[in-house]
Protein backbone atom coordinates (compact mmCIF):
# COMPACT_ATOMS: atom_id res chain seq x y z
CA MET A 1 -12.20 1.67 20.17
CA VAL A 2 -10.17 -1.27 21.87
CA LEU A 3 -7.54 -3.30 20.35
CA ALA A 4 -7.94 -6.80 20.96
CA THR A 5 -4.11 -7.56 21.07
CA ASN A 6 -1.08 -7.87 23.22
CA ASN A 7 0.98 -7.82 20.36
CA PRO A 8 3.25 -5.04 19.74
CA GLY A 9 4.45 -5.03 16.52
CA LYS A 10 0.56 -5.89 15.22
CA LEU A 11 -1.10 -2.47 17.78
CA LYS A 12 1.95 -0.22 16.34
CA GLU A 13 0.94 -1.05 12.76
CA ILE A 14 -3.08 -0.65 13.79
CA LYS A 15 -2.60 2.97 15.42
CA GLU A 16 -0.61 3.95 12.26
CA ILE A 17 -2.86 2.87 9.57
CA LEU A 18 -5.70 4.16 12.03
CA LYS A 19 -4.01 6.83 13.41
CA ASP A 20 -7.41 9.46 12.84
CA TYR A 21 -9.37 7.21 15.00
CA GLU A 22 -9.15 7.22 18.91
CA LEU A 23 -8.01 3.83 19.80
CA TYR A 24 -7.23 2.06 22.62
CA SER A 25 -4.72 -0.84 23.89
CA LEU A 26 -5.71 -3.49 25.96
CA LYS A 27 -3.02 -1.94 28.76
CA GLU A 28 -4.03 1.76 28.38
CA LYS A 29 -8.18 0.16 29.31
CA GLY A 30 -6.21 -1.83 32.40
CA LEU A 31 -6.10 -5.52 31.09
CA ALA A 32 -3.88 -7.80 31.31
CA ILE A 33 -5.47 -10.56 29.23
CA ASP A 34 -3.96 -13.52 26.72
CA VAL A 35 -7.44 -14.63 24.59
CA LEU A 36 -7.02 -18.23 23.66
CA GLU A 37 -6.86 -18.73 19.52
CA ASP A 38 -8.16 -21.83 19.24
CA ALA A 39 -9.89 -21.80 15.80
CA ASP A 40 -9.10 -22.92 12.82
CA THR A 41 -9.83 -19.97 10.91
CA PHE A 42 -8.24 -16.06 11.27
CA TYR A 43 -11.65 -15.32 10.94
CA GLY A 44 -12.77 -17.31 14.25
CA ASN A 45 -9.74 -16.06 16.06
CA ALA A 46 -10.61 -12.63 15.50
CA LEU A 47 -14.25 -12.59 16.58
CA LYS A 48 -13.65 -14.99 19.84
CA LYS A 49 -10.91 -12.36 20.94
CA ALA A 50 -13.91 -9.34 19.84
CA GLN A 51 -15.86 -10.08 21.79
CA THR A 52 -14.24 -11.70 24.93
CA ILE A 53 -12.33 -8.41 25.13
CA TYR A 54 -15.84 -6.90 24.16
CA ASN A 55 -17.64 -8.44 27.60
CA LEU A 56 -15.02 -6.82 29.79
CA VAL A 57 -15.05 -3.67 28.33
CA LYS A 58 -18.23 -2.94 27.44
CA GLU A 59 -17.03 -0.80 24.13
CA PRO A 60 -16.21 -1.47 20.72
CA VAL A 61 -13.56 -3.05 20.16
CA ILE A 62 -11.69 -4.33 16.98
CA ALA A 63 -9.37 -7.87 16.35
CA ASP A 64 -7.00 -9.20 14.49
CA ASP A 65 -5.65 -12.28 13.15
CA SER A 66 -3.13 -12.92 10.81
CA GLY A 67 -0.72 -15.20 9.25
CA LEU A 68 1.45 -16.44 6.57
CA CYS A 69 -0.16 -19.55 3.93
CA ILE A 70 2.75 -20.84 2.08
CA THR A 71 1.36 -22.29 -1.02
CA ALA A 72 3.36 -25.18 -0.93
CA LEU A 73 2.80 -26.51 2.23
CA ASP A 74 -0.70 -26.42 1.63
CA ASP A 75 -1.13 -22.68 3.14
CA PHE A 76 0.80 -24.01 6.07
CA PRO A 77 1.16 -22.47 8.81
CA GLY A 78 -1.41 -20.13 8.14
CA VAL A 79 -2.90 -19.51 11.83
CA LEU A 80 -0.29 -20.99 13.69
CA THR A 81 1.69 -18.61 12.02
CA HIS A 82 3.22 -17.79 15.04
CA ARG A 83 2.94 -21.12 17.64
CA PHE A 84 3.84 -23.75 15.21
CA LEU A 85 7.27 -23.90 17.07
CA GLY A 86 5.47 -23.56 20.25
CA GLU A 87 4.63 -20.10 22.27
CA ASP A 88 8.17 -19.05 22.79
CA ALA A 89 10.51 -19.24 19.41
CA THR A 90 11.69 -16.75 18.38
CA ASN A 91 10.85 -14.96 15.03
CA ASP A 92 14.30 -15.45 13.94
CA ALA A 93 13.63 -19.39 14.78
CA ARG A 94 10.38 -19.13 12.93
CA ASN A 95 11.83 -17.36 9.82
CA SER A 96 14.76 -20.34 9.87
CA ALA A 97 12.05 -23.02 9.98
CA LEU A 98 10.14 -22.01 7.03
CA ILE A 99 12.90 -21.53 5.11
CA GLU A 100 14.06 -25.34 5.54
CA MET A 101 10.78 -26.68 4.63
CA LEU A 102 11.64 -25.16 1.17
CA SER A 103 14.89 -26.35 1.01
CA ASP A 104 13.99 -28.37 -1.70
CA PRO A 105 14.79 -25.84 -5.24
CA THR A 106 11.82 -27.40 -6.97
CA LEU A 107 9.46 -26.51 -4.56
CA ASN A 108 7.06 -23.50 -4.91
CA ARG A 109 8.03 -20.39 -3.08
CA GLU A 110 4.59 -18.61 -3.39
CA ALA A 111 2.78 -17.28 -0.56
CA LYS A 112 0.24 -14.93 1.24
CA VAL A 113 -0.22 -12.56 4.29
CA VAL A 114 -3.57 -12.94 5.10
CA CYS A 115 -5.40 -10.80 7.78
CA ASP A 116 -9.38 -11.12 9.33
CA LEU A 117 -9.70 -7.72 11.57
CA VAL A 118 -13.15 -7.66 13.30
CA TYR A 119 -15.24 -5.07 14.38
CA TYR A 120 -17.55 -6.25 17.50
CA ASP A 121 -19.85 -3.92 19.77
CA GLY A 122 -22.25 -5.97 21.47
CA ASN A 123 -24.97 -6.04 18.14
CA ASN A 124 -23.01 -5.46 15.12
CA THR A 125 -19.42 -7.76 13.46
CA LEU A 126 -17.97 -6.93 11.24
CA VAL A 127 -15.10 -8.53 9.08
CA GLY A 128 -12.51 -7.01 7.25
CA GLU A 129 -10.39 -8.62 5.06
CA GLY A 130 -6.56 -8.18 3.11
CA THR A 131 -4.59 -10.89 1.51
CA LEU A 132 -1.20 -9.59 0.00
CA LYS A 133 0.92 -11.46 -2.20
CA GLY A 134 4.29 -12.41 -2.53
CA LYS A 135 7.02 -15.78 -2.19
CA ILE A 136 9.18 -16.61 0.75
CA ALA A 137 12.97 -15.02 0.74
CA SER A 138 15.96 -17.71 0.23
CA PHE A 139 17.44 -15.91 3.11
CA PRO A 140 16.15 -12.91 5.77
CA ARG A 141 16.47 -9.29 5.04
CA GLY A 142 15.43 -6.18 5.98
CA GLU A 143 15.68 -4.71 9.76
CA ASN A 144 12.15 -3.33 10.46
CA GLY A 145 8.71 -5.46 11.24
CA PHE A 146 8.19 -8.05 13.05
CA GLY A 147 7.23 -11.61 12.76
CA PHE A 148 7.95 -13.24 8.89
CA ASP A 149 8.20 -10.13 7.41
CA ALA A 150 11.83 -10.42 6.82
CA ILE A 151 11.38 -13.74 4.54
CA PHE A 152 8.04 -12.35 3.20
CA GLU A 153 9.17 -11.10 -0.37
CA LEU A 154 6.98 -8.89 -2.57
CA GLU A 155 6.56 -8.30 -6.54
CA ASN A 156 9.49 -5.78 -6.15
CA GLY A 157 12.37 -7.76 -5.41
CA LYS A 158 11.91 -6.75 -1.44
CA THR A 159 11.21 -8.67 1.45
CA LEU A 160 8.57 -6.42 4.12
CA ALA A 161 10.96 -5.30 6.68
CA GLU A 162 13.34 -3.73 4.11
CA LEU A 163 10.43 -1.35 3.84
CA THR A 164 9.88 1.79 6.17
CA SER A 165 7.38 1.46 8.04
CA GLU A 166 5.13 3.81 5.76
CA GLU A 167 5.51 2.09 2.82
CA LYS A 168 4.52 -1.38 4.08
CA ASN A 169 1.43 0.38 6.59
CA ALA A 170 0.18 1.63 2.51
CA LEU A 171 0.12 -2.20 1.56
CA SER A 172 0.16 -4.44 3.60
CA ALA A 173 -2.69 -7.07 4.52
CA ARG A 174 -3.44 -5.46 7.67
CA TYR A 175 -3.60 -2.18 5.92
CA LEU A 176 -5.72 -4.04 3.51
CA ALA A 177 -8.11 -5.11 5.71
CA CYS A 178 -8.20 -2.00 7.99
CA VAL A 179 -9.28 -0.31 4.57
CA ASP A 180 -12.26 -2.75 4.12
CA LEU A 181 -13.62 -2.28 7.64
CA LEU A 182 -13.84 0.86 8.13
CA GLN A 183 -15.53 1.44 4.31
CA GLN A 184 -17.79 -1.51 6.05
CA LEU A 185 -17.75 0.68 9.22
CA LYS A 186 -19.56 4.14 6.94
CA THR A 187 -21.92 2.12 5.60
CA THR A 188 -23.48 -0.76 7.90
CA LEU A 189 -24.10 0.86 10.96
CA LYS A 190 -26.80 3.53 11.55
CA HIS A 191 -24.18 6.65 12.67
CA PRO A 192 -21.58 7.60 10.49
CA VAL A 193 -18.29 7.02 11.54
CA LYS A 194 -16.63 10.21 13.14
CA ASN A 195 -12.62 10.21 13.95
CA ARG A 196 -14.00 9.28 17.38
CA LEU A 197 -15.49 5.66 17.30
């Protein structure tokens, strides 16, 4: 299966979560392409990426779109999580901006991470969904992870960036989406899913 992402963090996580399966990056398939994410839903962006890459490689593809939805900001930044400050903004700049948007102490800091993971093989379209609830921390904490991990605080008081990779991969929205998608692959496709997809 081909993973339709150029994000090294996502690539690393999905390969670690689906470690029993044979997965290839775009680079390993000789592809240098960025699919424009212009849909207004996570599913729409993931589906577009999966179909675009499938049309190039003619092999089963999985594509992810995920983001941070903050309750007090009407689920902003959502699908714009990586781009709301522009394509060249750093993770630190984005995280600082989101903390500033919640500087009013009366605001609800609840948030969720949403991940849609789409499988497409030219005939079948399946989507695994995962949601992880938490809140936005008052300041970044932790050195592991990427994106908004340092400001997403779990119920246990730790941010995602304060977890080990193994701990994060056992509870993340991406992990939950992978579990959901794998179950659908096993029950929906005519052939059983083995460790070679």
